[in-house]
């Protein structure tokens, strides 16, 4: 892929826990269309409430305007449906089990563009060993927040 450049418009974060919600907020604040995916409805609701609270504090501190808060909120789509996880960059923030990460990336590889980048947020597992079990391992990177 040398010499090829692709723009990133959409970022999908898989896992709506504390880390995933934080990544989703940063992504949306940076202007990216953001998809936050989790199978657990309660986790998604908690993530939405936490992001709303964080954005509210930023408005109170005059770090962002009310209009910017609304734009950021509109940039985030919360979903339990894996079919909505279409993006140029997918960041996983799921349980620290290699089998879960590998299965997720392989499932997402089937529905995403052949150039989608899959980033693992792991801090304790070997990204190389995860990549070796994923279709097109060269598309897997480590990216810890």
C-alpha atoms as a PDB file:
ATOM      1  CA  UNK A   1       0.000   0.000   0.000  1.00  0.00           C
ATOM      2  CA  UNK A   2       3.008   2.284  -0.307  1.00  0.00           C
ATOM      3  CA  UNK A   3       2.129   5.595  -1.862  1.00  0.00           C
ATOM      4  CA  UNK A   4      -1.595   5.017  -1.374  1.00  0.00           C
ATOM      5  CA  UNK A   5      -3.453   7.409   0.866  1.00  0.00           C
ATOM      6  CA  UNK A   6      -6.961   6.931   2.177  1.00  0.00           C
ATOM      7  CA  UNK A   7      -8.992   9.375   4.159  1.00  0.00           C
ATOM      8  CA  UNK A   8     -10.787   8.395   7.330  1.00  0.00           C
ATOM      9  CA  UNK A   9     -14.325   9.694   7.633  1.00  0.00           C
ATOM     10  CA  UNK A  10     -15.879   7.132   9.961  1.00  0.00           C
ATOM     11  CA  UNK A  11     -14.421   5.503  13.055  1.00  0.00           C
ATOM     12  CA  UNK A  12     -16.148   2.554  14.691  1.00  0.00           C
ATOM     13  CA  UNK A  13     -15.414   1.738  18.313  1.00  0.00           C
ATOM     14  CA  UNK A  14     -16.391  -1.712  19.519  1.00  0.00           C
ATOM     15  CA  UNK A  15     -16.986  -1.878  23.247  1.00  0.00           C
ATOM     16  CA  UNK A  16     -18.919   0.819  25.118  1.00  0.00           C
ATOM     17  CA  UNK A  17     -17.158   0.555  28.468  1.00  0.00           C
ATOM     18  CA  UNK A  18     -15.205   3.426  29.975  1.00  0.00           C
ATOM     19  CA  UNK A  19     -12.373   3.165  27.449  1.00  0.00           C
ATOM     20  CA  UNK A  20     -14.618   2.707  24.402  1.00  0.00           C
ATOM     21  CA  UNK A  21     -16.909   5.587  25.403  1.00  0.00           C
ATOM     22  CA  UNK A  22     -13.897   7.852  25.893  1.00  0.00           C
ATOM     23  CA  UNK A  23     -12.463   6.930  22.503  1.00  0.00           C
ATOM     24  CA  UNK A  24     -15.859   7.541  20.882  1.00  0.00           C
ATOM     25  CA  UNK A  25     -16.104  10.989  22.479  1.00  0.00           C
ATOM     26  CA  UNK A  26     -12.605  11.968  21.305  1.00  0.00           C
ATOM     27  CA  UNK A  27     -13.384  10.679  17.816  1.00  0.00           C
ATOM     28  CA  UNK A  28     -16.633  12.648  17.604  1.00  0.00           C
ATOM     29  CA  UNK A  29     -15.033  15.783  19.044  1.00  0.00           C
ATOM     30  CA  UNK A  30     -12.374  15.513  16.339  1.00  0.00           C
ATOM     31  CA  UNK A  31     -15.103  15.695  13.696  1.00  0.00           C
ATOM     32  CA  UNK A  32     -15.322  12.043  12.681  1.00  0.00           C
ATOM     33  CA  UNK A  33     -18.607  10.248  12.130  1.00  0.00           C
ATOM     34  CA  UNK A  34     -18.410   7.793  15.021  1.00  0.00           C
ATOM     35  CA  UNK A  35     -20.145   4.472  15.574  1.00  0.00           C
ATOM     36  CA  UNK A  36     -20.099   3.081  19.123  1.00  0.00           C
ATOM     37  CA  UNK A  37     -21.026  -0.608  19.112  1.00  0.00           C
ATOM     38  CA  UNK A  38     -21.756  -2.916  22.010  1.00  0.00           C
ATOM     39  CA  UNK A  39     -24.033  -5.911  22.401  1.00  0.00           C
ATOM     40  CA  UNK A  40     -25.068  -4.704  25.858  1.00  0.00           C
ATOM     41  CA  UNK A  41     -27.864  -2.102  25.789  1.00  0.00           C
ATOM     42  CA  UNK A  42     -27.054  -0.980  29.337  1.00  0.00           C
ATOM     43  CA  UNK A  43     -23.414  -0.348  28.416  1.00  0.00           C
ATOM     44  CA  UNK A  44     -24.513   1.773  25.459  1.00  0.00           C
ATOM     45  CA  UNK A  45     -26.948   3.760  27.630  1.00  0.00           C
ATOM     46  CA  UNK A  46     -24.271   4.322  30.274  1.00  0.00           C
ATOM     47  CA  UNK A  47     -21.793   5.412  27.579  1.00  0.00           C
ATOM     48  CA  UNK A  48     -24.317   7.864  26.109  1.00  0.00           C
ATOM     49  CA  UNK A  49     -25.049   9.328  29.545  1.00  0.00           C
ATOM     50  CA  UNK A  50     -21.344   9.626  30.353  1.00  0.00           C
ATOM     51  CA  UNK A  51     -20.558  11.349  27.066  1.00  0.00           C
ATOM     52  CA  UNK A  52     -23.488  13.721  27.582  1.00  0.00           C
ATOM     53  CA  UNK A  53     -22.209  14.560  31.074  1.00  0.00           C
ATOM     54  CA  UNK A  54     -18.635  15.092  29.822  1.00  0.00           C
ATOM     55  CA  UNK A  55     -19.800  17.369  27.021  1.00  0.00           C
ATOM     56  CA  UNK A  56     -21.960  19.304  29.473  1.00  0.00           C
ATOM     57  CA  UNK A  57     -18.918  19.920  31.677  1.00  0.00           C
ATOM     58  CA  UNK A  58     -16.945  21.118  28.648  1.00  0.00           C
ATOM     59  CA  UNK A  59     -19.720  23.629  27.888  1.00  0.00           C
ATOM     60  CA  UNK A  60     -19.764  24.790  31.529  1.00  0.00           C
ATOM     61  CA  UNK A  61     -15.996  25.330  31.409  1.00  0.00           C
ATOM     62  CA  UNK A  62     -16.325  27.240  28.108  1.00  0.00           C
ATOM     63  CA  UNK A  63     -14.159  24.652  26.336  1.00  0.00           C
ATOM     64  CA  UNK A  64     -16.864  24.065  23.724  1.00  0.00           C
ATOM     65  CA  UNK A  65     -20.059  25.906  22.807  1.00  0.00           C
ATOM     66  CA  UNK A  66     -23.578  24.493  23.015  1.00  0.00           C
ATOM     67  CA  UNK A  67     -23.575  24.308  19.215  1.00  0.00           C
ATOM     68  CA  UNK A  68     -20.321  22.307  19.256  1.00  0.00           C
ATOM     69  CA  UNK A  69     -21.808  19.991  21.884  1.00  0.00           C
ATOM     70  CA  UNK A  70     -24.787  19.339  19.614  1.00  0.00           C
ATOM     71  CA  UNK A  71     -22.503  18.726  16.605  1.00  0.00           C
ATOM     72  CA  UNK A  72     -20.427  16.250  18.636  1.00  0.00           C
ATOM     73  CA  UNK A  73     -23.538  14.421  19.857  1.00  0.00           C
ATOM     74  CA  UNK A  74     -24.826  14.158  16.295  1.00  0.00           C
ATOM     75  CA  UNK A  75     -21.480  12.633  15.237  1.00  0.00           C
ATOM     76  CA  UNK A  76     -22.050   9.564  17.444  1.00  0.00           C
ATOM     77  CA  UNK A  77     -24.312   6.673  16.480  1.00  0.00           C
ATOM     78  CA  UNK A  78     -24.893   4.114  19.257  1.00  0.00           C
ATOM     79  CA  UNK A  79     -25.742   0.596  18.084  1.00  0.00           C
ATOM     80  CA  UNK A  80     -26.089  -3.043  19.072  1.00  0.00           C
ATOM     81  CA  UNK A  81     -26.162  -4.064  15.390  1.00  0.00           C
ATOM     82  CA  UNK A  82     -22.811  -5.168  13.980  1.00  0.00           C
ATOM     83  CA  UNK A  83     -24.069  -4.367  10.481  1.00  0.00           C
ATOM     84  CA  UNK A  84     -23.660  -0.657  11.299  1.00  0.00           C
ATOM     85  CA  UNK A  85     -19.962  -1.144  12.071  1.00  0.00           C
ATOM     86  CA  UNK A  86     -18.771   0.043   8.682  1.00  0.00           C
ATOM     87  CA  UNK A  87     -15.779   2.382   8.878  1.00  0.00           C
ATOM     88  CA  UNK A  88     -12.351   3.157   7.535  1.00  0.00           C
ATOM     89  CA  UNK A  89     -10.958   2.619  11.048  1.00  0.00           C
ATOM     90  CA  UNK A  90     -12.280   0.142  13.613  1.00  0.00           C
ATOM     91  CA  UNK A  91     -10.955   0.337  17.177  1.00  0.00           C
ATOM     92  CA  UNK A  92     -11.752  -2.509  19.519  1.00  0.00           C
ATOM     93  CA  UNK A  93     -12.017  -1.914  23.262  1.00  0.00           C
ATOM     94  CA  UNK A  94     -13.554  -5.248  24.234  1.00  0.00           C
ATOM     95  CA  UNK A  95     -12.647  -7.788  26.913  1.00  0.00           C
ATOM     96  CA  UNK A  96      -8.927  -8.677  27.128  1.00  0.00           C
ATOM     97  CA  UNK A  97      -9.334 -12.124  25.594  1.00  0.00           C
ATOM     98  CA  UNK A  98      -7.572 -12.789  22.287  1.00  0.00           C
ATOM     99  CA  UNK A  99     -10.391 -15.065  21.077  1.00  0.00           C
ATOM    100  CA  UNK A 100     -12.940 -12.251  21.452  1.00  0.00           C
ATOM    101  CA  UNK A 101     -10.770  -9.720  19.633  1.00  0.00           C
ATOM    102  CA  UNK A 102      -9.923 -12.127  16.807  1.00  0.00           C
ATOM    103  CA  UNK A 103     -13.551 -13.197  16.329  1.00  0.00           C
ATOM    104  CA  UNK A 104     -14.695  -9.569  16.275  1.00  0.00           C
ATOM    105  CA  UNK A 105     -12.077  -8.484  13.732  1.00  0.00           C
ATOM    106  CA  UNK A 106     -12.815 -11.453  11.473  1.00  0.00           C
ATOM    107  CA  UNK A 107     -16.554 -10.766  11.629  1.00  0.00           C
ATOM    108  CA  UNK A 108     -15.964  -7.101  10.812  1.00  0.00           C
ATOM    109  CA  UNK A 109     -13.553  -7.964   7.985  1.00  0.00           C
ATOM    110  CA  UNK A 110     -16.441  -9.691   6.212  1.00  0.00           C
ATOM    111  CA  UNK A 111     -18.618  -6.559   6.136  1.00  0.00           C
ATOM    112  CA  UNK A 112     -16.017  -3.793   5.761  1.00  0.00           C
ATOM    113  CA  UNK A 113     -13.982  -2.492   2.839  1.00  0.00           C
ATOM    114  CA  UNK A 114     -10.799  -4.404   2.071  1.00  0.00           C
ATOM    115  CA  UNK A 115      -8.715  -1.431   3.245  1.00  0.00           C
ATOM    116  CA  UNK A 116     -10.365  -0.920   6.637  1.00  0.00           C
ATOM    117  CA  UNK A 117      -7.800  -0.692   9.439  1.00  0.00           C
ATOM    118  CA  UNK A 118      -8.456  -2.758  12.564  1.00  0.00           C
ATOM    119  CA  UNK A 119      -6.883  -1.320  15.711  1.00  0.00           C
ATOM    120  CA  UNK A 120      -6.656  -3.210  18.965  1.00  0.00           C
ATOM    121  CA  UNK A 121      -6.669  -1.124  22.134  1.00  0.00           C
ATOM    122  CA  UNK A 122      -5.051  -3.925  24.111  1.00  0.00           C
ATOM    123  CA  UNK A 123      -2.284  -3.125  26.542  1.00  0.00           C
ATOM    124  CA  UNK A 124      -1.616  -6.665  27.708  1.00  0.00           C
ATOM    125  CA  UNK A 125      -1.965  -8.958  24.682  1.00  0.00           C
ATOM    126  CA  UNK A 126       0.339  -9.430  21.708  1.00  0.00           C
ATOM    127  CA  UNK A 127      -1.047  -7.510  18.733  1.00  0.00           C
ATOM    128  CA  UNK A 128       1.066  -9.710  16.466  1.00  0.00           C
ATOM    129  CA  UNK A 129      -0.586 -12.876  17.767  1.00  0.00           C
ATOM    130  CA  UNK A 130      -4.020 -11.306  17.295  1.00  0.00           C
ATOM    131  CA  UNK A 131      -3.132 -10.187  13.762  1.00  0.00           C
ATOM    132  CA  UNK A 132      -1.852 -13.650  12.798  1.00  0.00           C
ATOM    133  CA  UNK A 133      -5.364 -15.046  13.274  1.00  0.00           C
ATOM    134  CA  UNK A 134      -7.185 -12.264  11.431  1.00  0.00           C
ATOM    135  CA  UNK A 135      -7.916 -12.208   7.702  1.00  0.00           C
ATOM    136  CA  UNK A 136      -5.351  -9.841   6.140  1.00  0.00           C
ATOM    137  CA  UNK A 137      -3.140  -9.460   9.230  1.00  0.00           C
ATOM    138  CA  UNK A 138      -1.375  -6.453   7.692  1.00  0.00           C
ATOM    139  CA  UNK A 139      -4.543  -4.438   8.409  1.00  0.00           C
ATOM    140  CA  UNK A 140      -4.263  -4.967  12.188  1.00  0.00           C
ATOM    141  CA  UNK A 141      -2.472  -2.417  14.365  1.00  0.00           C
ATOM    142  CA  UNK A 142      -2.057  -1.697  18.044  1.00  0.00           C
ATOM    143  CA  UNK A 143      -3.452   1.632  19.244  1.00  0.00           C
ATOM    144  CA  UNK A 144      -3.662   2.183  22.980  1.00  0.00           C
ATOM    145  CA  UNK A 145      -5.418   5.202  24.461  1.00  0.00           C
END
